[in-house]
Amino acid sequence: MQRRLAGVLAAFFGLLAAVPASAHHSFAAEFDANKCLDLTGTFTSFEWQNPHGYFHLDVKDPNGNVTTWTFETVSLSTLKRSGTERKDFTDTVGKTVTVRACLAKNGAKNRAAAETIKLSDGRVHKIGQDVEAKFSENAKDGY
């Protein structure tokens, strides 16, 4: 009886552990490394959560129309290892930033994976995958 219960519990916890993993995805599965652009706008909000951080930017087009963009970052542990802290995002709300990002492959409007963010004080943080090799040793015109 105890062996059966142990087996059921092991199966249950194994399935439970797999649930968060199934929600994770690779950059290449969702974003297009050949469709990257720079967007400048007002940093409006962020979600500091696993497995990825997210933030939102209000971007004005040449006609003055405002569009809200959503950007995905790398994992929070990777952000921290590269020197980006939650405070960097908290202090940026309401300020103008420039984001280098790659568009969603599925054509979702105003959604992209952030590669870098240039804060209002001029500091640049690597907050996504280095798909354009801006941070590699051979980079020529990185931020």
C-alpha atoms as a PDB file:
ATOM      1  CA  MET A   1       0.000   0.000   0.000  1.00  0.00           C
ATOM      2  CA  GLN A   2       2.806   2.424   0.879  1.00  0.00           C
ATOM      3  CA  ARG A   3       4.623   1.647  -2.380  1.00  0.00           C
ATOM      4  CA  ARG A   4       1.481   2.427  -4.348  1.00  0.00           C
ATOM      5  CA  LEU A   5       0.971   5.723  -2.490  1.00  0.00           C
ATOM      6  CA  ALA A   6       4.620   6.646  -3.024  1.00  0.00           C
ATOM      7  CA  GLY A   7       4.250   5.919  -6.730  1.00  0.00           C
ATOM      8  CA  VAL A   8       1.113   8.048  -7.027  1.00  0.00           C
ATOM      9  CA  LEU A   9       2.762  10.918  -5.144  1.00  0.00           C
ATOM     10  CA  ALA A  10       5.903  10.699  -7.290  1.00  0.00           C
ATOM     11  CA  ALA A  11       3.794  10.820 -10.468  1.00  0.00           C
ATOM     12  CA  PHE A  12       1.758  13.752  -9.145  1.00  0.00           C
ATOM     13  CA  PHE A  13       4.796  15.830  -8.204  1.00  0.00           C
ATOM     14  CA  GLY A  14       6.516  14.933 -11.460  1.00  0.00           C
ATOM     15  CA  LEU A  15       3.559  16.263 -13.431  1.00  0.00           C
ATOM     16  CA  LEU A  16       3.333  19.307 -11.198  1.00  0.00           C
ATOM     17  CA  ALA A  17       6.997  20.129 -11.828  1.00  0.00           C
ATOM     18  CA  ALA A  18       6.483  19.853 -15.595  1.00  0.00           C
ATOM     19  CA  VAL A  19       3.685  22.461 -15.731  1.00  0.00           C
ATOM     20  CA  PRO A  20       5.896  25.584 -15.434  1.00  0.00           C
ATOM     21  CA  ALA A  21       8.445  24.127 -17.831  1.00  0.00           C
ATOM     22  CA  SER A  22       5.848  23.644 -20.549  1.00  0.00           C
ATOM     23  CA  ALA A  23       5.092  27.381 -20.561  1.00  0.00           C
ATOM     24  CA  HIS A  24       8.690  28.325 -21.362  1.00  0.00           C
ATOM     25  CA  HIS A  25       9.826  28.865 -24.942  1.00  0.00           C
ATOM     26  CA  SER A  26      12.945  29.706 -26.882  1.00  0.00           C
ATOM     27  CA  PHE A  27      13.606  33.089 -28.494  1.00  0.00           C
ATOM     28  CA  ALA A  28      13.808  31.524 -31.967  1.00  0.00           C
ATOM     29  CA  ALA A  29      10.413  29.866 -31.584  1.00  0.00           C
ATOM     30  CA  GLU A  30       8.586  33.129 -30.995  1.00  0.00           C
ATOM     31  CA  PHE A  31      10.685  36.058 -32.277  1.00  0.00           C
ATOM     32  CA  ASP A  32      12.393  36.914 -35.580  1.00  0.00           C
ATOM     33  CA  ALA A  33      16.089  37.811 -35.267  1.00  0.00           C
ATOM     34  CA  ASN A  34      15.944  39.257 -38.809  1.00  0.00           C
ATOM     35  CA  LYS A  35      13.232  41.779 -37.931  1.00  0.00           C
ATOM     36  CA  CYS A  36      14.744  43.999 -35.245  1.00  0.00           C
ATOM     37  CA  LEU A  37      14.158  47.708 -34.785  1.00  0.00           C
ATOM     38  CA  ASP A  38      14.684  50.608 -32.386  1.00  0.00           C
ATOM     39  CA  LEU A  39      11.672  52.128 -30.646  1.00  0.00           C
ATOM     40  CA  THR A  40      11.717  55.233 -28.461  1.00  0.00           C
ATOM     41  CA  GLY A  41       8.890  56.010 -26.108  1.00  0.00           C
ATOM     42  CA  THR A  42       7.695  56.414 -22.539  1.00  0.00           C
ATOM     43  CA  PHE A  43       8.313  53.477 -20.202  1.00  0.00           C
ATOM     44  CA  THR A  44       4.873  53.005 -18.622  1.00  0.00           C
ATOM     45  CA  SER A  45       4.965  49.792 -16.565  1.00  0.00           C
ATOM     46  CA  PHE A  46       6.633  46.418 -16.067  1.00  0.00           C
ATOM     47  CA  GLU A  47       6.095  42.921 -14.689  1.00  0.00           C
ATOM     48  CA  TRP A  48       9.114  41.561 -12.832  1.00  0.00           C
ATOM     49  CA  GLN A  49       8.150  37.878 -12.940  1.00  0.00           C
ATOM     50  CA  ASN A  50       9.511  34.500 -13.974  1.00  0.00           C
ATOM     51  CA  PRO A  51      10.198  33.018 -16.386  1.00  0.00           C
ATOM     52  CA  HIS A  52      10.612  36.379 -18.203  1.00  0.00           C
ATOM     53  CA  GLY A  53      10.224  40.024 -17.356  1.00  0.00           C
ATOM     54  CA  TYR A  54       7.891  42.208 -19.397  1.00  0.00           C
ATOM     55  CA  PHE A  55       7.621  45.958 -19.820  1.00  0.00           C
ATOM     56  CA  HIS A  56       5.468  48.379 -21.744  1.00  0.00           C
ATOM     57  CA  LEU A  57       6.293  51.450 -23.777  1.00  0.00           C
ATOM     58  CA  ASP A  58       4.020  54.123 -25.252  1.00  0.00           C
ATOM     59  CA  VAL A  59       5.458  55.000 -28.666  1.00  0.00           C
ATOM     60  CA  LYS A  60       4.310  57.982 -30.757  1.00  0.00           C
ATOM     61  CA  ASP A  61       4.265  57.648 -34.530  1.00  0.00           C
ATOM     62  CA  PRO A  62       5.070  60.630 -36.802  1.00  0.00           C
ATOM     63  CA  ASN A  63       1.374  61.667 -36.723  1.00  0.00           C
ATOM     64  CA  GLY A  64       1.322  61.787 -32.917  1.00  0.00           C
ATOM     65  CA  ASN A  65      -0.709  58.602 -32.472  1.00  0.00           C
ATOM     66  CA  VAL A  66       0.358  56.584 -29.431  1.00  0.00           C
ATOM     67  CA  THR A  67       0.745  52.823 -29.571  1.00  0.00           C
ATOM     68  CA  THR A  68       1.504  50.674 -26.539  1.00  0.00           C
ATOM     69  CA  TRP A  69       4.211  48.040 -27.068  1.00  0.00           C
ATOM     70  CA  THR A  70       4.923  45.014 -24.891  1.00  0.00           C
ATOM     71  CA  PHE A  71       8.492  43.729 -24.637  1.00  0.00           C
ATOM     72  CA  GLU A  72       9.781  40.468 -23.217  1.00  0.00           C
ATOM     73  CA  THR A  73      13.161  40.223 -21.492  1.00  0.00           C
ATOM     74  CA  VAL A  74      15.398  37.306 -20.602  1.00  0.00           C
ATOM     75  CA  SER A  75      14.861  35.558 -17.264  1.00  0.00           C
ATOM     76  CA  LEU A  76      15.129  37.582 -14.072  1.00  0.00           C
ATOM     77  CA  SER A  77      18.232  35.677 -12.974  1.00  0.00           C
ATOM     78  CA  THR A  78      19.925  36.490 -16.302  1.00  0.00           C
ATOM     79  CA  LEU A  79      18.915  40.155 -15.961  1.00  0.00           C
ATOM     80  CA  LYS A  80      20.481  40.281 -12.505  1.00  0.00           C
ATOM     81  CA  ARG A  81      23.676  38.540 -13.669  1.00  0.00           C
ATOM     82  CA  SER A  82      24.061  41.131 -16.426  1.00  0.00           C
ATOM     83  CA  GLY A  83      23.634  44.000 -13.954  1.00  0.00           C
ATOM     84  CA  THR A  84      19.968  44.928 -14.397  1.00  0.00           C
ATOM     85  CA  GLU A  85      17.979  45.201 -11.185  1.00  0.00           C
ATOM     86  CA  ARG A  86      14.276  45.715 -10.535  1.00  0.00           C
ATOM     87  CA  LYS A  87      15.157  49.251  -9.364  1.00  0.00           C
ATOM     88  CA  ASP A  88      16.372  50.085 -12.892  1.00  0.00           C
ATOM     89  CA  PHE A  89      12.823  49.437 -14.138  1.00  0.00           C
ATOM     90  CA  THR A  90      11.110  51.078 -11.160  1.00  0.00           C
ATOM     91  CA  ASP A  91      13.166  54.248 -11.611  1.00  0.00           C
ATOM     92  CA  THR A  92      12.398  54.332 -15.348  1.00  0.00           C
ATOM     93  CA  VAL A  93       8.582  54.456 -15.197  1.00  0.00           C
ATOM     94  CA  GLY A  94       7.426  57.671 -16.866  1.00  0.00           C
ATOM     95  CA  LYS A  95      10.777  58.327 -18.574  1.00  0.00           C
ATOM     96  CA  THR A  96      11.803  58.158 -22.225  1.00  0.00           C
ATOM     97  CA  VAL A  97      13.844  55.118 -23.271  1.00  0.00           C
ATOM     98  CA  THR A  98      15.013  53.500 -26.498  1.00  0.00           C
ATOM     99  CA  VAL A  99      14.583  49.767 -26.920  1.00  0.00           C
ATOM    100  CA  ARG A 100      16.255  47.557 -29.527  1.00  0.00           C
ATOM    101  CA  ALA A 101      13.892  44.641 -30.081  1.00  0.00           C
ATOM    102  CA  CYS A 102      12.970  41.825 -32.457  1.00  0.00           C
ATOM    103  CA  LEU A 103       9.384  41.425 -33.626  1.00  0.00           C
ATOM    104  CA  ALA A 104       7.112  38.457 -32.932  1.00  0.00           C
ATOM    105  CA  LYS A 105       7.127  35.813 -35.671  1.00  0.00           C
ATOM    106  CA  ASN A 106       3.370  35.266 -35.478  1.00  0.00           C
ATOM    107  CA  GLY A 107       2.687  38.848 -36.543  1.00  0.00           C
ATOM    108  CA  ALA A 108       1.341  39.918 -33.159  1.00  0.00           C
ATOM    109  CA  LYS A 109       1.167  43.692 -33.281  1.00  0.00           C
ATOM    110  CA  ASN A 110       3.242  45.728 -30.844  1.00  0.00           C
ATOM    111  CA  ARG A 111       4.952  42.713 -29.273  1.00  0.00           C
ATOM    112  CA  ALA A 112       8.677  42.088 -29.360  1.00  0.00           C
ATOM    113  CA  ALA A 113      11.638  40.590 -27.525  1.00  0.00           C
ATOM    114  CA  ALA A 114      13.884  43.318 -26.144  1.00  0.00           C
ATOM    115  CA  GLU A 115      17.596  43.050 -26.842  1.00  0.00           C
ATOM    116  CA  THR A 116      18.775  46.262 -25.175  1.00  0.00           C
ATOM    117  CA  ILE A 117      17.280  49.237 -23.393  1.00  0.00           C
ATOM    118  CA  LYS A 118      18.883  52.673 -23.346  1.00  0.00           C
ATOM    119  CA  LEU A 119      17.707  54.458 -20.217  1.00  0.00           C
ATOM    120  CA  SER A 120      17.058  58.189 -19.975  1.00  0.00           C
ATOM    121  CA  ASP A 121      20.430  58.685 -18.240  1.00  0.00           C
ATOM    122  CA  GLY A 122      22.246  57.117 -21.215  1.00  0.00           C
ATOM    123  CA  ARG A 123      23.041  53.755 -19.615  1.00  0.00           C
ATOM    124  CA  VAL A 124      22.421  50.744 -21.829  1.00  0.00           C
ATOM    125  CA  HIS A 125      21.381  47.403 -20.384  1.00  0.00           C
ATOM    126  CA  LYS A 126      21.453  44.089 -22.209  1.00  0.00           C
ATOM    127  CA  ILE A 127      18.023  42.705 -21.322  1.00  0.00           C
ATOM    128  CA  GLY A 128      17.543  40.128 -24.059  1.00  0.00           C
ATOM    129  CA  GLN A 129      19.375  37.719 -26.268  1.00  0.00           C
ATOM    130  CA  ASP A 130      22.305  39.161 -28.202  1.00  0.00           C
ATOM    131  CA  VAL A 131      20.854  38.135 -31.569  1.00  0.00           C
ATOM    132  CA  GLU A 132      22.657  40.907 -33.438  1.00  0.00           C
ATOM    133  CA  ALA A 133      25.996  40.318 -31.651  1.00  0.00           C
ATOM    134  CA  LYS A 134      26.119  43.847 -30.223  1.00  0.00           C
ATOM    135  CA  PHE A 135      27.803  42.538 -27.108  1.00  0.00           C
ATOM    136  CA  SER A 136      30.189  40.062 -28.695  1.00  0.00           C
ATOM    137  CA  GLU A 137      33.921  40.713 -28.883  1.00  0.00           C
ATOM    138  CA  ASN A 138      33.601  41.443 -32.615  1.00  0.00           C
ATOM    139  CA  ALA A 139      30.813  44.034 -32.279  1.00  0.00           C
ATOM    140  CA  LYS A 140      31.632  47.264 -34.102  1.00  0.00           C
ATOM    141  CA  ASP A 141      28.715  49.576 -33.412  1.00  0.00           C
ATOM    142  CA  GLY A 142      27.169  48.298 -30.216  1.00  0.00           C
ATOM    143  CA  TYR A 143      25.637  50.829 -27.882  1.00  0.00           C
END
